[in-house]
């Protein structure tokens, strides 16, 4: 009898959970980056038309997580556009701001790593010139390549992998968990977990 009452109570609670999920809007069909688990898409705020929000929508539960935001006014003082990446569980958002857009020495970087399942964020601030490459692993580590040749691995700590990496040469092999790049025409690699 107790088993029957417990079963009846659990069946009565199921529609409540399904109703909450049904009220959420479906994820966008297309976005700036998408995979089979999530979609990244830009959303403009109504009160500030120049303010853009990068949202991740997890397809399974239609859960939305804000990954980063950016304000652009369309002028030459906006600075570079943000760079972003997406894996099954994590999203990365890299924003650079420059006091003077003509001088890259005045730029600072903000890298935000977001766990899409839990919503937990990790923010890393760097004094760095313009970035050229962003790579994100399935475990939430990242690699940032900069225009001046620096290549940083960002995991539990920030580690410099190279100081002469060629911009645009960074690639990641997820099955081997290795990061590949070239420096002075020579191939190099490192483990990136």
N, C-alpha and C. Protein backbone atom coordinates (compact mmCIF):
# COMPACT_ATOMS: atom_id res chain seq x y z
N UNK A 1 0.82 -1.18 0.00
CA UNK A 1 0.00 0.00 0.00
C UNK A 1 0.87 1.26 0.00
N UNK A 2 1.92 1.25 0.81
CA UNK A 2 2.83 2.40 0.85
C UNK A 2 3.52 2.60 -0.50
N UNK A 3 3.87 1.48 -1.11
CA UNK A 3 4.51 1.55 -2.42
C UNK A 3 3.56 2.18 -3.45
N UNK A 4 2.29 1.81 -3.39
CA UNK A 4 1.31 2.36 -4.31
C UNK A 4 1.12 3.86 -4.07
N UNK A 5 1.10 4.28 -2.81
CA UNK A 5 0.97 5.71 -2.51
C UNK A 5 2.20 6.49 -2.96
N UNK A 6 3.37 5.92 -2.77
CA UNK A 6 4.60 6.58 -3.21
C UNK A 6 4.64 6.71 -4.72
N UNK A 7 4.22 5.68 -5.43
CA UNK A 7 4.16 5.72 -6.88
C UNK A 7 3.17 6.77 -7.36
N UNK A 8 2.00 6.84 -6.74
CA UNK A 8 0.99 7.82 -7.10
C UNK A 8 1.49 9.24 -6.85
N UNK A 9 2.16 9.45 -5.73
CA UNK A 9 2.70 10.79 -5.41
C UNK A 9 3.77 11.19 -6.42
N UNK A 10 4.63 10.27 -6.82
CA UNK A 10 5.68 10.60 -7.79
C UNK A 10 5.08 10.90 -9.15
N UNK A 11 4.03 10.20 -9.54
CA UNK A 11 3.38 10.47 -10.82
C UNK A 11 2.68 11.82 -10.83
N UNK A 12 2.16 12.24 -9.71
CA UNK A 12 1.51 13.54 -9.62
C UNK A 12 2.51 14.68 -9.70
N UNK A 13 3.75 14.45 -9.26
CA UNK A 13 4.78 15.49 -9.29
C UNK A 13 5.44 15.63 -10.65
N UNK A 14 5.39 14.62 -11.50
CA UNK A 14 6.02 14.67 -12.81
C UNK A 14 5.47 15.79 -13.69
N UNK A 15 4.16 15.98 -13.80
CA UNK A 15 3.67 17.05 -14.66
C UNK A 15 4.16 18.43 -14.23
N UNK A 16 4.41 18.64 -12.95
CA UNK A 16 4.89 19.94 -12.48
C UNK A 16 6.27 20.23 -13.05
N UNK A 17 7.18 19.26 -13.01
CA UNK A 17 8.52 19.44 -13.54
C UNK A 17 8.47 19.63 -15.05
N UNK A 18 7.63 18.86 -15.76
CA UNK A 18 7.51 19.00 -17.20
C UNK A 18 6.90 20.34 -17.57
N UNK A 19 5.98 20.85 -16.77
CA UNK A 19 5.36 22.14 -17.05
C UNK A 19 6.37 23.27 -16.93
N UNK A 20 7.28 23.17 -15.96
CA UNK A 20 8.31 24.21 -15.81
C UNK A 20 9.24 24.21 -17.01
N UNK A 21 9.62 23.04 -17.50
CA UNK A 21 10.49 22.95 -18.67
C UNK A 21 9.75 23.40 -19.93
N UNK A 22 8.46 23.13 -20.00
CA UNK A 22 7.67 23.50 -21.18
C UNK A 22 7.49 25.01 -21.28
N UNK A 23 7.53 25.73 -20.15
CA UNK A 23 7.36 27.18 -20.17
C UNK A 23 8.59 27.88 -20.76
N UNK A 24 9.75 27.25 -20.69
CA UNK A 24 10.96 27.86 -21.24
C UNK A 24 10.88 27.91 -22.75
N UNK A 25 11.37 28.98 -23.32
CA UNK A 25 11.41 29.10 -24.78
C UNK A 25 12.38 28.07 -25.34
N UNK A 26 12.11 27.59 -26.54
CA UNK A 26 13.07 26.67 -27.14
C UNK A 26 14.37 27.40 -27.49
N UNK A 27 15.44 26.65 -27.59
CA UNK A 27 16.73 27.23 -27.97
C UNK A 27 16.66 27.73 -29.41
N UNK A 28 17.43 28.75 -29.75
CA UNK A 28 17.46 29.21 -31.14
C UNK A 28 17.90 28.08 -32.06
N UNK A 29 17.35 28.05 -33.27
CA UNK A 29 17.72 27.01 -34.23
C UNK A 29 19.16 27.17 -34.70
N UNK A 30 19.61 28.40 -34.83
CA UNK A 30 20.98 28.66 -35.24
C UNK A 30 21.57 29.71 -34.32
N UNK A 31 22.87 29.69 -34.21
CA UNK A 31 23.57 30.67 -33.38
C UNK A 31 24.93 30.93 -33.98
N UNK A 32 25.75 31.66 -33.26
CA UNK A 32 27.09 31.95 -33.76
C UNK A 32 27.99 30.73 -33.65
N UNK A 33 27.74 29.89 -32.63
CA UNK A 33 28.43 28.62 -32.47
C UNK A 33 27.42 27.64 -31.90
N UNK A 34 27.43 26.41 -32.41
CA UNK A 34 26.53 25.42 -31.85
C UNK A 34 27.13 24.03 -32.00
N UNK A 35 26.68 23.16 -31.12
CA UNK A 35 27.01 21.74 -31.22
C UNK A 35 25.76 20.97 -30.83
N UNK A 36 25.88 19.68 -30.64
CA UNK A 36 24.67 18.90 -30.36
C UNK A 36 24.13 19.13 -28.96
N UNK A 37 24.91 19.79 -28.07
CA UNK A 37 24.49 20.01 -26.69
C UNK A 37 23.98 21.42 -26.42
N UNK A 38 24.55 22.41 -27.10
CA UNK A 38 24.22 23.81 -26.77
C UNK A 38 24.36 24.71 -27.99
N UNK A 39 23.79 25.91 -27.87
CA UNK A 39 23.86 26.94 -28.90
C UNK A 39 24.30 28.24 -28.25
N UNK A 40 25.27 28.92 -28.84
CA UNK A 40 25.65 30.26 -28.40
C UNK A 40 25.01 31.26 -29.36
N UNK A 41 24.33 32.27 -28.82
CA UNK A 41 23.72 33.27 -29.68
C UNK A 41 23.77 34.64 -29.01
N UNK A 42 23.83 35.69 -29.83
CA UNK A 42 23.84 37.06 -29.33
C UNK A 42 22.42 37.53 -29.10
N UNK A 43 22.25 38.29 -28.05
CA UNK A 43 20.94 38.86 -27.72
C UNK A 43 21.16 40.34 -27.39
N UNK A 44 20.38 41.20 -28.02
CA UNK A 44 20.47 42.63 -27.71
C UNK A 44 19.47 42.96 -26.62
N UNK A 45 19.87 43.83 -25.72
CA UNK A 45 18.96 44.24 -24.66
C UNK A 45 18.10 45.39 -25.17
N UNK A 46 16.84 45.42 -24.74
CA UNK A 46 15.91 46.44 -25.23
C UNK A 46 16.25 47.83 -24.71
N UNK A 47 16.73 47.91 -23.46
CA UNK A 47 16.97 49.24 -22.90
C UNK A 47 18.27 49.86 -23.38
N UNK A 48 19.22 49.04 -23.82
CA UNK A 48 20.48 49.54 -24.35
C UNK A 48 20.76 48.85 -25.68
N UNK A 49 20.45 49.49 -26.80
CA UNK A 49 20.61 48.82 -28.10
C UNK A 49 22.06 48.49 -28.45
N UNK A 50 23.03 49.16 -27.84
CA UNK A 50 24.43 48.89 -28.14
C UNK A 50 25.02 47.81 -27.23
N UNK A 51 24.22 47.31 -26.31
CA UNK A 51 24.69 46.31 -25.35
C UNK A 51 24.28 44.92 -25.84
N UNK A 52 25.24 44.05 -26.05
CA UNK A 52 24.99 42.70 -26.57
C UNK A 52 25.34 41.67 -25.49
N UNK A 53 24.52 40.65 -25.38
CA UNK A 53 24.72 39.59 -24.40
C UNK A 53 24.89 38.29 -25.15
N UNK A 54 25.95 37.54 -24.84
CA UNK A 54 26.17 36.23 -25.44
C UNK A 54 25.59 35.19 -24.50
N UNK A 55 24.58 34.48 -24.98
CA UNK A 55 23.89 33.49 -24.16
C UNK A 55 24.13 32.10 -24.71
N UNK A 56 24.28 31.15 -23.80
CA UNK A 56 24.33 29.74 -24.17
C UNK A 56 23.00 29.14 -23.79
N UNK A 57 22.45 28.34 -24.68
CA UNK A 57 21.21 27.63 -24.40
C UNK A 57 21.51 26.14 -24.47
N UNK A 58 21.36 25.46 -23.34
CA UNK A 58 21.59 24.02 -23.29
C UNK A 58 20.35 23.35 -23.85
N UNK A 59 20.50 22.59 -24.92
CA UNK A 59 19.35 22.05 -25.64
C UNK A 59 18.51 21.08 -24.82
N UNK A 60 19.12 20.27 -23.97
CA UNK A 60 18.38 19.25 -23.24
C UNK A 60 17.30 19.84 -22.33
N UNK A 61 17.63 20.87 -21.57
CA UNK A 61 16.65 21.44 -20.64
C UNK A 61 16.24 22.85 -20.99
N UNK A 62 16.70 23.35 -22.13
CA UNK A 62 16.43 24.73 -22.56
C UNK A 62 16.93 25.75 -21.55
N UNK A 63 17.92 25.38 -20.79
CA UNK A 63 18.49 26.27 -19.77
C UNK A 63 19.38 27.31 -20.46
N UNK A 64 19.20 28.57 -20.08
CA UNK A 64 19.99 29.64 -20.66
C UNK A 64 20.99 30.16 -19.62
N UNK A 65 22.23 30.36 -20.08
CA UNK A 65 23.30 30.84 -19.22
C UNK A 65 23.97 32.01 -19.94
N UNK A 66 24.13 33.13 -19.26
CA UNK A 66 24.85 34.25 -19.86
C UNK A 66 26.34 33.97 -19.79
N UNK A 67 26.98 34.01 -20.94
CA UNK A 67 28.40 33.71 -21.04
C UNK A 67 29.23 34.98 -20.95
N UNK A 68 28.75 36.06 -21.55
CA UNK A 68 29.48 37.33 -21.51
C UNK A 68 28.64 38.44 -22.12
N UNK A 69 29.10 39.67 -21.97
CA UNK A 69 28.41 40.80 -22.58
C UNK A 69 29.42 41.78 -23.13
N UNK A 70 28.95 42.62 -24.06
CA UNK A 70 29.83 43.52 -24.79
C UNK A 70 29.02 44.72 -25.23
N UNK A 71 29.59 45.90 -25.09
CA UNK A 71 28.94 47.12 -25.54
C UNK A 71 29.71 47.67 -26.73
N UNK A 72 28.99 47.91 -27.82
CA UNK A 72 29.63 48.49 -29.01
C UNK A 72 28.75 49.62 -29.51
N UNK A 73 29.39 50.72 -29.82
CA UNK A 73 28.63 51.87 -30.31
C UNK A 73 28.81 52.08 -31.80
N UNK A 74 29.61 51.22 -32.44
CA UNK A 74 29.84 51.37 -33.87
C UNK A 74 30.92 52.36 -34.21
N UNK A 75 31.65 52.85 -33.21
CA UNK A 75 32.71 53.81 -33.48
C UNK A 75 34.06 53.12 -33.48
N UNK A 76 35.09 53.85 -33.81
CA UNK A 76 36.44 53.28 -33.84
C UNK A 76 37.00 53.06 -32.44
N UNK A 77 36.33 53.57 -31.41
CA UNK A 77 36.80 53.41 -30.03
C UNK A 77 36.23 52.17 -29.36
N UNK A 78 35.52 51.34 -30.09
CA UNK A 78 34.91 50.16 -29.51
C UNK A 78 35.92 49.11 -29.07
N UNK A 79 37.04 49.04 -29.71
CA UNK A 79 37.99 47.98 -29.41
C UNK A 79 37.63 46.73 -30.21
N UNK A 80 38.41 45.70 -30.06
CA UNK A 80 38.16 44.48 -30.84
C UNK A 80 36.91 43.74 -30.38
N UNK A 81 36.30 43.03 -31.30
CA UNK A 81 35.12 42.23 -30.97
C UNK A 81 35.55 41.04 -30.10
N UNK A 82 34.68 40.57 -29.23
CA UNK A 82 35.04 39.44 -28.37
C UNK A 82 35.19 38.14 -29.18
N UNK A 83 35.96 37.24 -28.60
CA UNK A 83 36.19 35.92 -29.20
C UNK A 83 35.54 34.91 -28.25
N UNK A 84 34.93 33.87 -28.79
CA UNK A 84 34.22 32.90 -27.95
C UNK A 84 34.41 31.50 -28.51
N UNK A 85 34.20 30.52 -27.64
CA UNK A 85 34.32 29.11 -28.03
C UNK A 85 33.31 28.30 -27.22
N UNK A 86 32.97 27.11 -27.72
CA UNK A 86 31.97 26.27 -27.08
C UNK A 86 32.39 24.82 -27.18
N UNK A 87 32.27 24.10 -26.07
CA UNK A 87 32.41 22.64 -26.07
C UNK A 87 31.13 22.07 -25.47
N UNK A 88 31.11 20.78 -25.21
CA UNK A 88 29.89 20.17 -24.70
C UNK A 88 29.44 20.77 -23.38
N UNK A 89 30.37 21.02 -22.50
CA UNK A 89 30.01 21.46 -21.15
C UNK A 89 30.42 22.89 -20.84
N UNK A 90 31.36 23.44 -21.58
CA UNK A 90 31.91 24.75 -21.25
C UNK A 90 31.78 25.74 -22.40
N UNK A 91 31.72 27.02 -22.04
CA UNK A 91 31.77 28.10 -23.00
C UNK A 91 32.84 29.08 -22.52
N UNK A 92 33.57 29.65 -23.47
CA UNK A 92 34.61 30.64 -23.15
C UNK A 92 34.28 31.93 -23.87
N UNK A 93 34.54 33.05 -23.19
CA UNK A 93 34.27 34.38 -23.74
C UNK A 93 35.49 35.23 -23.43
N UNK A 94 36.15 35.74 -24.46
CA UNK A 94 37.35 36.54 -24.28
C UNK A 94 37.09 37.95 -24.81
N UNK A 95 37.13 38.93 -23.91
CA UNK A 95 36.88 40.32 -24.25
C UNK A 95 38.12 41.14 -23.96
N UNK A 96 38.46 41.98 -24.91
CA UNK A 96 39.60 42.88 -24.73
C UNK A 96 39.11 44.31 -24.75
N UNK A 97 39.63 45.10 -23.83
CA UNK A 97 39.31 46.52 -23.81
C UNK A 97 40.61 47.30 -23.89
N UNK A 98 40.58 48.36 -24.64
CA UNK A 98 41.78 49.17 -24.83
C UNK A 98 41.47 50.62 -24.47
N UNK A 99 42.33 51.23 -23.68
CA UNK A 99 42.16 52.65 -23.36
C UNK A 99 42.32 53.49 -24.63
N UNK A 100 43.24 53.07 -25.49
CA UNK A 100 43.45 53.72 -26.78
C UNK A 100 43.51 52.62 -27.84
N UNK A 101 42.49 52.49 -28.70
CA UNK A 101 42.46 51.40 -29.68
C UNK A 101 43.63 51.39 -30.65
N UNK A 102 44.32 52.53 -30.81
CA UNK A 102 45.47 52.57 -31.72
C UNK A 102 46.74 52.07 -31.05
N UNK A 103 46.72 51.87 -29.72
CA UNK A 103 47.89 51.42 -28.98
C UNK A 103 47.56 50.12 -28.24
N UNK A 104 48.07 48.99 -28.74
CA UNK A 104 47.74 47.70 -28.12
C UNK A 104 48.37 47.53 -26.75
N UNK A 105 49.30 48.36 -26.38
CA UNK A 105 49.92 48.26 -25.05
C UNK A 105 48.94 48.67 -23.96
N UNK A 106 47.87 49.38 -24.32
CA UNK A 106 46.89 49.81 -23.32
C UNK A 106 45.74 48.82 -23.16
N UNK A 107 45.84 47.65 -23.80
CA UNK A 107 44.75 46.68 -23.77
C UNK A 107 44.83 45.75 -22.56
N UNK A 108 43.69 45.38 -22.04
CA UNK A 108 43.59 44.36 -21.01
C UNK A 108 42.61 43.30 -21.50
N UNK A 109 42.79 42.09 -21.02
CA UNK A 109 41.95 40.98 -21.46
C UNK A 109 41.17 40.42 -20.28
N UNK A 110 39.99 39.94 -20.58
CA UNK A 110 39.14 39.27 -19.60
C UNK A 110 38.67 37.97 -20.25
N UNK A 111 39.05 36.85 -19.66
CA UNK A 111 38.61 35.54 -20.15
C UNK A 111 37.64 34.97 -19.13
N UNK A 112 36.44 34.65 -19.58
CA UNK A 112 35.43 34.08 -18.70
C UNK A 112 35.11 32.67 -19.17
N UNK A 113 35.34 31.69 -18.30
CA UNK A 113 35.03 30.29 -18.57
C UNK A 113 33.77 29.95 -17.80
N UNK A 114 32.75 29.42 -18.48
CA UNK A 114 31.46 29.13 -17.86
C UNK A 114 31.12 27.66 -18.01
N UNK A 115 30.77 27.03 -16.90
CA UNK A 115 30.28 25.66 -16.90
C UNK A 115 28.79 25.73 -17.21
N UNK A 116 28.37 25.18 -18.34
CA UNK A 116 26.98 25.32 -18.77
C UNK A 116 26.01 24.49 -17.94
N UNK A 117 26.48 23.44 -17.32
CA UNK A 117 25.59 22.61 -16.50
C UNK A 117 25.31 23.25 -15.15
N UNK A 118 26.36 23.74 -14.49
CA UNK A 118 26.17 24.28 -13.15
C UNK A 118 26.02 25.81 -13.13
N UNK A 119 26.46 26.47 -14.20
CA UNK A 119 26.42 27.93 -14.24
C UNK A 119 27.62 28.58 -13.56
N UNK A 120 28.55 27.77 -13.04
CA UNK A 120 29.74 28.31 -12.35
C UNK A 120 30.64 29.01 -13.37
N UNK A 121 31.24 30.11 -12.91
CA UNK A 121 32.13 30.90 -13.78
C UNK A 121 33.50 31.06 -13.16
N UNK A 122 34.46 31.16 -14.03
CA UNK A 122 35.82 31.48 -13.61
C UNK A 122 36.30 32.60 -14.52
N UNK A 123 36.77 33.69 -13.92
CA UNK A 123 37.22 34.84 -14.69
C UNK A 123 38.71 35.04 -14.47
N UNK A 124 39.43 35.23 -15.58
CA UNK A 124 40.88 35.46 -15.54
C UNK A 124 41.15 36.79 -16.21
N UNK A 125 41.83 37.69 -15.50
CA UNK A 125 42.19 39.00 -16.07
C UNK A 125 43.67 38.97 -16.45
N UNK A 126 43.95 39.48 -17.64
CA UNK A 126 45.32 39.48 -18.16
C UNK A 126 45.65 40.85 -18.74
N UNK A 127 46.87 41.28 -18.56
CA UNK A 127 47.36 42.45 -19.28
C UNK A 127 48.01 41.92 -20.53
N UNK A 128 47.35 42.08 -21.66
CA UNK A 128 47.85 41.45 -22.87
C UNK A 128 47.40 42.22 -24.09
N UNK A 129 48.18 42.14 -25.15
CA UNK A 129 47.76 42.75 -26.40
C UNK A 129 46.67 41.90 -27.06
N UNK A 130 46.33 42.24 -28.26
CA UNK A 130 45.22 41.59 -28.95
C UNK A 130 45.43 40.10 -29.12
N UNK A 131 44.35 39.34 -28.97
CA UNK A 131 44.45 37.89 -29.10
C UNK A 131 44.22 37.47 -30.54
N UNK A 132 44.80 36.34 -30.89
CA UNK A 132 44.64 35.79 -32.23
C UNK A 132 43.91 34.45 -32.19
N UNK A 133 44.09 33.69 -31.12
CA UNK A 133 43.54 32.34 -31.05
C UNK A 133 42.91 32.08 -29.68
N UNK A 134 41.81 31.34 -29.67
CA UNK A 134 41.20 30.86 -28.44
C UNK A 134 40.81 29.41 -28.65
N UNK A 135 41.28 28.54 -27.77
CA UNK A 135 40.98 27.12 -27.82
C UNK A 135 40.41 26.72 -26.47
N UNK A 136 39.36 25.91 -26.47
CA UNK A 136 38.70 25.48 -25.24
C UNK A 136 38.63 23.95 -25.22
N UNK A 137 38.92 23.37 -24.05
CA UNK A 137 38.87 21.91 -23.93
C UNK A 137 37.54 21.47 -23.34
N UNK A 138 37.28 20.18 -23.40
CA UNK A 138 36.05 19.63 -22.82
C UNK A 138 36.05 19.71 -21.31
N UNK A 139 37.21 19.89 -20.70
CA UNK A 139 37.32 19.95 -19.24
C UNK A 139 37.37 21.39 -18.71
N UNK A 140 37.24 22.37 -19.60
CA UNK A 140 37.18 23.75 -19.16
C UNK A 140 38.49 24.49 -19.13
N UNK A 141 39.56 23.90 -19.63
CA UNK A 141 40.83 24.61 -19.75
C UNK A 141 40.83 25.35 -21.10
N UNK A 142 41.65 26.37 -21.19
CA UNK A 142 41.70 27.15 -22.42
C UNK A 142 43.14 27.49 -22.78
N UNK A 143 43.34 27.84 -24.03
CA UNK A 143 44.62 28.35 -24.49
C UNK A 143 44.34 29.63 -25.26
N UNK A 144 45.13 30.65 -24.98
CA UNK A 144 44.99 31.94 -25.66
C UNK A 144 46.30 32.26 -26.36
N UNK A 145 46.22 32.52 -27.65
CA UNK A 145 47.38 32.96 -28.41
C UNK A 145 47.23 34.44 -28.71
N UNK A 146 48.29 35.19 -28.51
CA UNK A 146 48.23 36.64 -28.69
C UNK A 146 49.04 37.08 -29.90
N UNK A 147 48.74 38.28 -30.39
CA UNK A 147 49.39 38.81 -31.58
C UNK A 147 50.89 39.01 -31.37
N UNK A 148 51.35 39.19 -30.13
CA UNK A 148 52.78 39.38 -29.88
C UNK A 148 53.54 38.06 -29.79
N UNK A 149 52.85 36.92 -29.98
CA UNK A 149 53.51 35.62 -29.97
C UNK A 149 53.36 34.83 -28.69
N UNK A 150 52.82 35.45 -27.65
CA UNK A 150 52.65 34.70 -26.40
C UNK A 150 51.52 33.70 -26.54
N UNK A 151 51.71 32.53 -25.96
CA UNK A 151 50.69 31.49 -25.93
C UNK A 151 50.53 31.07 -24.48
N UNK A 152 49.33 31.26 -23.94
CA UNK A 152 49.05 30.97 -22.53
C UNK A 152 48.11 29.78 -22.41
N UNK A 153 48.39 28.90 -21.46
CA UNK A 153 47.48 27.82 -21.10
C UNK A 153 46.79 28.24 -19.81
N UNK A 154 45.47 28.17 -19.79
CA UNK A 154 44.71 28.61 -18.63
C UNK A 154 43.90 27.42 -18.14
N UNK A 155 44.32 26.90 -17.01
CA UNK A 155 43.65 25.78 -16.36
C UNK A 155 43.50 26.13 -14.90
N UNK A 156 44.10 25.33 -14.02
CA UNK A 156 44.10 25.65 -12.60
C UNK A 156 44.94 26.90 -12.35
N UNK A 157 45.94 27.12 -13.21
CA UNK A 157 46.79 28.31 -13.14
C UNK A 157 47.05 28.80 -14.56
N UNK A 158 47.58 30.00 -14.69
CA UNK A 158 47.94 30.54 -15.99
C UNK A 158 49.41 30.23 -16.24
N UNK A 159 49.70 29.57 -17.35
CA UNK A 159 51.06 29.13 -17.65
C UNK A 159 51.43 29.60 -19.06
N UNK A 160 52.64 30.13 -19.22
CA UNK A 160 53.12 30.54 -20.54
C UNK A 160 53.71 29.33 -21.24
N UNK A 161 53.16 28.98 -22.40
CA UNK A 161 53.66 27.84 -23.16
C UNK A 161 54.74 28.25 -24.15
N UNK A 162 54.60 29.46 -24.71
CA UNK A 162 55.56 29.92 -25.72
C UNK A 162 55.52 31.43 -25.78
N UNK A 163 56.62 32.02 -26.21
CA UNK A 163 56.67 33.47 -26.38
C UNK A 163 56.83 33.88 -27.84
N UNK A 164 56.90 32.89 -28.74
CA UNK A 164 57.09 33.18 -30.16
C UNK A 164 56.13 32.39 -31.04
N UNK A 165 54.93 32.08 -30.54
CA UNK A 165 53.96 31.32 -31.33
C UNK A 165 53.42 32.19 -32.46
N UNK A 166 53.25 31.60 -33.62
CA UNK A 166 52.73 32.34 -34.76
C UNK A 166 51.21 32.49 -34.62
N UNK A 167 50.70 33.72 -34.74
CA UNK A 167 49.25 33.94 -34.62
C UNK A 167 48.50 33.14 -35.69
N UNK A 168 47.42 32.51 -35.29
CA UNK A 168 46.61 31.73 -36.21
C UNK A 168 47.06 30.30 -36.39
N UNK A 169 48.10 29.89 -35.68
CA UNK A 169 48.62 28.53 -35.87
C UNK A 169 48.20 27.56 -34.77
N UNK A 170 47.39 27.99 -33.82
CA UNK A 170 47.04 27.15 -32.68
C UNK A 170 45.88 26.22 -33.04
N UNK A 171 46.05 24.94 -32.71
CA UNK A 171 45.00 23.93 -32.93
C UNK A 171 45.01 22.97 -31.75
N UNK A 172 43.85 22.38 -31.49
CA UNK A 172 43.71 21.46 -30.36
C UNK A 172 43.16 20.13 -30.85
N UNK A 173 43.77 19.03 -30.41
CA UNK A 173 43.30 17.69 -30.72
C UNK A 173 42.65 17.12 -29.45
N UNK A 174 41.31 17.08 -29.38
CA UNK A 174 40.66 16.67 -28.13
C UNK A 174 40.92 15.22 -27.73
N UNK A 175 41.06 14.32 -28.67
CA UNK A 175 41.28 12.92 -28.28
C UNK A 175 42.65 12.72 -27.67
N UNK A 176 43.64 13.45 -28.14
CA UNK A 176 44.99 13.35 -27.58
C UNK A 176 45.22 14.35 -26.46
N UNK A 177 44.29 15.30 -26.30
CA UNK A 177 44.42 16.39 -25.32
C UNK A 177 45.72 17.16 -25.51
N UNK A 178 46.07 17.38 -26.78
CA UNK A 178 47.31 18.10 -27.10
C UNK A 178 46.99 19.37 -27.87
N UNK A 179 47.77 20.38 -27.56
CA UNK A 179 47.70 21.67 -28.23
C UNK A 179 48.87 21.74 -29.20
N UNK A 180 48.60 22.13 -30.44
CA UNK A 180 49.65 22.23 -31.46
C UNK A 180 49.74 23.66 -31.96
N UNK A 181 50.96 24.11 -32.25
CA UNK A 181 51.18 25.43 -32.82
C UNK A 181 52.54 25.44 -33.50
N UNK A 182 52.83 26.52 -34.21
CA UNK A 182 54.14 26.67 -34.83
C UNK A 182 54.80 27.92 -34.27
N UNK A 183 56.11 27.84 -34.16
CA UNK A 183 56.93 28.97 -33.71
C UNK A 183 58.18 28.98 -34.58
N UNK A 184 58.41 30.07 -35.28
CA UNK A 184 59.55 30.20 -36.19
C UNK A 184 59.55 29.07 -37.22
N UNK A 185 58.36 28.69 -37.68
CA UNK A 185 58.23 27.66 -38.71
C UNK A 185 58.38 26.22 -38.19
N UNK A 186 58.62 26.06 -36.91
CA UNK A 186 58.79 24.72 -36.32
C UNK A 186 57.53 24.31 -35.56
N UNK A 187 57.08 23.05 -35.77
CA UNK A 187 55.89 22.61 -35.03
C UNK A 187 56.22 22.36 -33.56
N UNK A 188 55.28 22.71 -32.71
CA UNK A 188 55.42 22.48 -31.27
C UNK A 188 54.10 21.95 -30.72
N UNK A 189 54.16 21.31 -29.55
CA UNK A 189 52.93 20.82 -28.94
C UNK A 189 53.10 20.74 -27.43
N UNK A 190 51.98 20.68 -26.73
CA UNK A 190 51.96 20.55 -25.28
C UNK A 190 50.63 19.91 -24.88
N UNK A 191 50.63 19.28 -23.74
CA UNK A 191 49.41 18.70 -23.21
C UNK A 191 48.55 19.82 -22.62
N UNK A 192 47.30 19.82 -22.99
CA UNK A 192 46.35 20.81 -22.46
C UNK A 192 45.16 20.06 -21.91
N UNK A 193 45.03 20.01 -20.62
CA UNK A 193 43.93 19.26 -20.00
C UNK A 193 42.85 20.21 -19.67
